[in-house]
């Protein structure tokens, strides 16, 4: 459905604005839905969108090259879903791109003073909300609840921020996160991470995870014959 450089068609409009979009990947429904929404709104607004995926959260160099590709296509703005919030090389690339066109952070956090704006979610508050929910369900002083967290890469523009909020929210709970599994956020990678954490901690009470992690874990639970850990998603697709 989505291809590198795919353009939204609107034959009614001449001299359309051209928007370049760079996202980490299209491995899960989250980013697929972002791409779908962007193309839908571009068609409605009479704009053209050039849509590029980086190939995953470890594809830092490709993301930097895609910024240059956007500028070479003479776009009017760049919407940038960064694979890292503060990698020095990426921040330099953003600074250079911002000399030519407005660069707007998309979904993920990007700590650059050269951005023209940002649109996204508060990852820290998302994690804190989960932590507060678990604190209410399992307050401090109660029976110890062992948990594993399956989330995105350590240097991504969202996962470490979410983890900080989660730990803040768990401050007054009996929930203890014993293992953190991190991988790219495709379903296959996250399911493999769930399986690895369960091998390390088979008697865990709770799996906290990203949408693809919990989607994968639901399949495991359905075939487990009972006694599977409780599941909680930090977000859903």
Protein backbone atom coordinates (compact mmCIF):
# COMPACT_ATOMS: atom_id res chain seq x y z
CA UNK A 1 0.00 0.00 0.00
CA UNK A 2 2.80 2.37 0.86
CA UNK A 3 5.86 2.78 -1.33
CA UNK A 4 8.89 5.01 -1.03
CA UNK A 5 8.09 8.29 -2.71
CA UNK A 6 4.38 7.50 -3.09
CA UNK A 7 2.42 10.64 -3.96
CA UNK A 8 -1.16 11.48 -3.07
CA UNK A 9 -3.06 12.25 -6.26
CA UNK A 10 -5.38 15.22 -6.60
CA UNK A 11 -5.86 16.24 -10.24
CA UNK A 12 -8.05 19.20 -9.34
CA UNK A 13 -5.22 21.22 -7.85
CA UNK A 14 -2.31 22.82 -9.66
CA UNK A 15 0.93 23.88 -7.98
CA UNK A 16 0.18 21.71 -5.01
CA UNK A 17 2.20 21.97 -1.85
CA UNK A 18 4.66 19.12 -1.60
CA UNK A 19 5.20 17.55 1.83
CA UNK A 20 7.96 15.02 2.50
CA UNK A 21 7.25 12.47 5.23
CA UNK A 22 9.93 10.25 6.75
CA UNK A 23 8.85 7.56 9.23
CA UNK A 24 10.83 4.85 11.04
CA UNK A 25 9.04 1.94 9.31
CA UNK A 26 5.73 0.45 8.22
CA UNK A 27 6.16 -2.81 10.12
CA UNK A 28 3.13 -2.30 12.34
CA UNK A 29 -0.38 -0.91 12.16
CA UNK A 30 0.57 2.19 14.14
CA UNK A 31 2.78 3.66 11.43
CA UNK A 32 0.55 2.28 8.68
CA UNK A 33 -2.33 4.24 10.17
CA UNK A 34 -0.17 7.37 10.37
CA UNK A 35 0.68 6.99 6.68
CA UNK A 36 -2.95 6.41 5.76
CA UNK A 37 -4.05 9.50 7.67
CA UNK A 38 -1.39 11.67 6.06
CA UNK A 39 -2.33 10.58 2.55
CA UNK A 40 -6.05 11.02 3.26
CA UNK A 41 -5.56 14.55 4.58
CA UNK A 42 -3.16 15.44 1.77
CA UNK A 43 -5.79 14.45 -0.78
CA UNK A 44 -8.38 16.51 1.07
CA UNK A 45 -6.09 19.55 1.23
CA UNK A 46 -4.90 19.27 -2.35
CA UNK A 47 -1.31 18.60 -1.30
CA UNK A 48 1.21 16.06 -2.50
CA UNK A 49 2.91 13.80 0.02
CA UNK A 50 6.15 11.95 -0.60
CA UNK A 51 6.24 9.09 1.88
CA UNK A 52 9.49 7.35 2.87
CA UNK A 53 10.19 4.65 5.43
CA UNK A 54 13.60 4.29 7.01
CA UNK A 55 13.49 0.52 7.43
CA UNK A 56 13.42 0.37 11.23
CA UNK A 57 14.59 2.08 14.39
CA UNK A 58 18.18 0.99 13.77
CA UNK A 59 18.32 2.60 10.33
CA UNK A 60 19.83 5.88 11.48
CA UNK A 61 22.07 6.47 8.46
CA UNK A 62 19.25 5.81 6.03
CA UNK A 63 17.07 8.33 7.87
CA UNK A 64 19.78 10.94 7.56
CA UNK A 65 20.04 10.24 3.82
CA UNK A 66 16.26 10.49 3.45
CA UNK A 67 16.36 14.01 4.88
CA UNK A 68 18.70 14.96 2.05
CA UNK A 69 16.39 13.21 -0.40
CA UNK A 70 13.50 15.34 0.82
CA UNK A 71 15.43 18.55 0.27
CA UNK A 72 16.51 17.41 -3.20
CA UNK A 73 12.85 16.90 -4.13
CA UNK A 74 12.24 20.62 -3.45
CA UNK A 75 9.49 20.02 -0.92
CA UNK A 76 7.69 22.72 1.04
CA UNK A 77 8.04 21.01 4.43
CA UNK A 78 9.27 17.83 6.09
CA UNK A 79 7.32 15.76 8.61
CA UNK A 80 9.95 13.71 10.39
CA UNK A 81 9.30 10.63 12.55
CA UNK A 82 12.74 10.35 14.08
CA UNK A 83 14.34 7.04 15.03
CA UNK A 84 16.27 8.81 17.80
CA UNK A 85 15.46 11.82 19.96
CA UNK A 86 19.00 13.09 20.33
CA UNK A 87 21.55 11.30 18.16
CA UNK A 88 24.18 13.98 17.32
CA UNK A 89 24.46 13.08 13.62
CA UNK A 90 20.69 13.12 13.21
CA UNK A 91 20.41 16.48 14.95
CA UNK A 92 23.00 17.96 12.58
CA UNK A 93 21.06 16.60 9.61
CA UNK A 94 17.86 18.16 10.95
CA UNK A 95 19.63 21.48 11.46
CA UNK A 96 20.91 21.44 7.89
CA UNK A 97 17.51 20.50 6.46
CA UNK A 98 15.82 23.25 8.47
CA UNK A 99 17.91 25.84 6.63
CA UNK A 100 15.90 25.07 3.50
CA UNK A 101 12.41 24.04 4.65
CA UNK A 102 10.38 23.78 7.85
CA UNK A 103 11.00 20.49 9.66
CA UNK A 104 8.25 19.23 11.96
CA UNK A 105 8.70 16.33 14.38
CA UNK A 106 6.12 13.61 13.75
CA UNK A 107 4.91 11.36 16.61
CA UNK A 108 8.36 10.70 18.12
CA UNK A 109 10.31 13.11 20.26
CA UNK A 110 13.15 15.00 18.58
CA UNK A 111 15.27 17.31 20.70
CA UNK A 112 16.25 19.90 18.11
CA UNK A 113 15.91 23.68 18.54
CA UNK A 114 15.67 23.98 14.76
CA UNK A 115 12.25 22.38 14.45
CA UNK A 116 9.36 24.51 13.23
CA UNK A 117 6.93 22.48 15.31
CA UNK A 118 5.96 19.03 16.52
CA UNK A 119 2.88 16.82 16.37
CA UNK A 120 2.72 13.71 18.49
CA UNK A 121 1.94 12.17 21.82
CA UNK A 122 3.33 12.64 25.31
CA UNK A 123 5.22 9.38 25.70
CA UNK A 124 6.22 10.14 29.28
CA UNK A 125 2.61 10.72 30.30
CA UNK A 126 1.58 7.56 28.44
CA UNK A 127 3.98 5.51 30.55
CA UNK A 128 2.98 7.34 33.72
CA UNK A 129 -0.71 6.58 33.07
CA UNK A 130 0.05 2.86 32.86
CA UNK A 131 2.14 3.06 36.02
CA UNK A 132 -0.60 4.85 37.95
CA UNK A 133 -3.17 2.30 36.82
CA UNK A 134 -0.97 -0.54 38.06
CA UNK A 135 -0.25 1.33 41.31
CA UNK A 136 -3.97 1.58 41.98
CA UNK A 137 -4.43 -2.13 41.22
CA UNK A 138 -1.31 -3.24 43.14
CA UNK A 139 -0.46 -0.61 45.78
CA UNK A 140 2.80 -0.58 47.69
CA UNK A 141 2.78 -2.99 50.62
CA UNK A 142 0.70 -5.61 48.82
CA UNK A 143 1.83 -8.89 47.33
CA UNK A 144 4.83 -8.47 45.06
CA UNK A 145 3.90 -8.49 41.35
CA UNK A 146 6.70 -9.46 38.98
CA UNK A 147 6.59 -7.88 35.53
CA UNK A 148 8.49 -7.74 32.28
CA UNK A 149 8.44 -4.82 29.86
CA UNK A 150 8.69 -5.41 26.11
CA UNK A 151 9.23 -2.15 24.28
CA UNK A 152 11.16 -0.37 21.54
CA UNK A 153 14.90 0.23 21.09
CA UNK A 154 16.80 1.94 23.88
CA UNK A 155 17.80 4.91 21.70
CA UNK A 156 14.47 5.43 19.96
CA UNK A 157 12.57 8.71 20.13
CA UNK A 158 9.85 7.28 22.37
CA UNK A 159 10.65 4.09 24.29
CA UNK A 160 13.12 5.43 26.89
CA UNK A 161 10.78 8.37 27.50
CA UNK A 162 7.84 6.03 28.04
CA UNK A 163 9.94 3.89 30.37
CA UNK A 164 10.79 6.91 32.53
CA UNK A 165 7.11 7.80 32.87
CA UNK A 166 6.21 4.20 33.64
CA UNK A 167 8.75 3.97 36.46
CA UNK A 168 7.46 7.27 37.87
CA UNK A 169 3.92 5.93 37.88
CA UNK A 170 5.00 2.69 39.56
CA UNK A 171 6.74 4.48 42.45
CA UNK A 172 3.95 3.61 44.92
CA UNK A 173 3.16 0.12 43.65
CA UNK A 174 4.17 -3.44 44.43
CA UNK A 175 4.93 -4.07 40.75
CA UNK A 176 8.58 -4.77 40.01
CA UNK A 177 9.85 -4.74 36.41
CA UNK A 178 12.48 -7.46 36.37
CA UNK A 179 13.34 -7.66 32.67
CA UNK A 180 13.16 -5.09 29.88
CA UNK A 181 13.14 -6.49 26.35
CA UNK A 182 13.86 -4.03 23.56
CA UNK A 183 13.62 -4.50 19.81
CA UNK A 184 12.32 -2.89 16.65
CA UNK A 185 8.54 -2.59 16.79
CA UNK A 186 7.50 -4.97 14.06
CA UNK A 187 5.19 -7.78 15.21
CA UNK A 188 7.78 -10.47 14.49
CA UNK A 189 10.55 -8.73 16.44
CA UNK A 190 8.31 -7.88 19.39
CA UNK A 191 6.84 -11.39 19.57
CA UNK A 192 10.36 -12.83 19.61
CA UNK A 193 11.20 -10.43 22.46
CA UNK A 194 8.13 -11.60 24.42
CA UNK A 195 9.22 -15.21 23.95
CA UNK A 196 12.77 -14.39 25.10
CA UNK A 197 11.59 -12.65 28.26
CA UNK A 198 9.24 -15.52 29.11
CA UNK A 199 12.09 -18.00 28.76
CA UNK A 200 14.11 -15.88 31.18
CA UNK A 201 11.19 -15.35 33.57
CA UNK A 202 8.56 -18.08 33.01
CA UNK A 203 6.68 -17.38 36.27
CA UNK A 204 6.17 -13.67 35.65
CA UNK A 205 2.81 -12.20 36.70
CA UNK A 206 2.50 -9.41 34.16
CA UNK A 207 3.68 -8.53 30.66
CA UNK A 208 3.68 -4.81 29.89
CA UNK A 209 4.34 -4.11 26.24
CA UNK A 210 3.92 -2.12 23.07
CA UNK A 211 0.94 -2.80 20.82
CA UNK A 212 2.73 -5.40 18.64
CA UNK A 213 4.23 -7.06 21.74
CA UNK A 214 0.83 -7.52 23.33
CA UNK A 215 -0.75 -8.55 20.02
CA UNK A 216 1.87 -11.29 19.77
CA UNK A 217 1.46 -12.23 23.44
CA UNK A 218 -2.30 -12.59 22.95
CA UNK A 219 -1.62 -15.29 20.37
CA UNK A 220 0.70 -17.07 22.80
CA UNK A 221 -1.90 -16.79 25.57
CA UNK A 222 -4.62 -18.28 23.36
CA UNK A 223 -2.49 -21.40 22.85
CA UNK A 224 -1.09 -21.65 26.37
CA UNK A 225 -3.83 -23.75 27.95
CA UNK A 226 -4.17 -21.31 30.84
CA UNK A 227 -1.87 -19.83 33.44
CA UNK A 228 -0.51 -17.12 31.14
CA UNK A 229 0.64 -13.76 32.59
CA UNK A 230 -1.75 -10.82 32.56
CA UNK A 231 -1.22 -8.41 29.64
CA UNK A 232 -1.22 -4.63 29.54
CA UNK A 233 -0.44 -2.53 26.45
CA UNK A 234 1.24 0.85 26.66
CA UNK A 235 -0.69 1.77 23.50
CA UNK A 236 -2.93 -0.05 21.02
CA UNK A 237 -3.20 -0.03 17.24
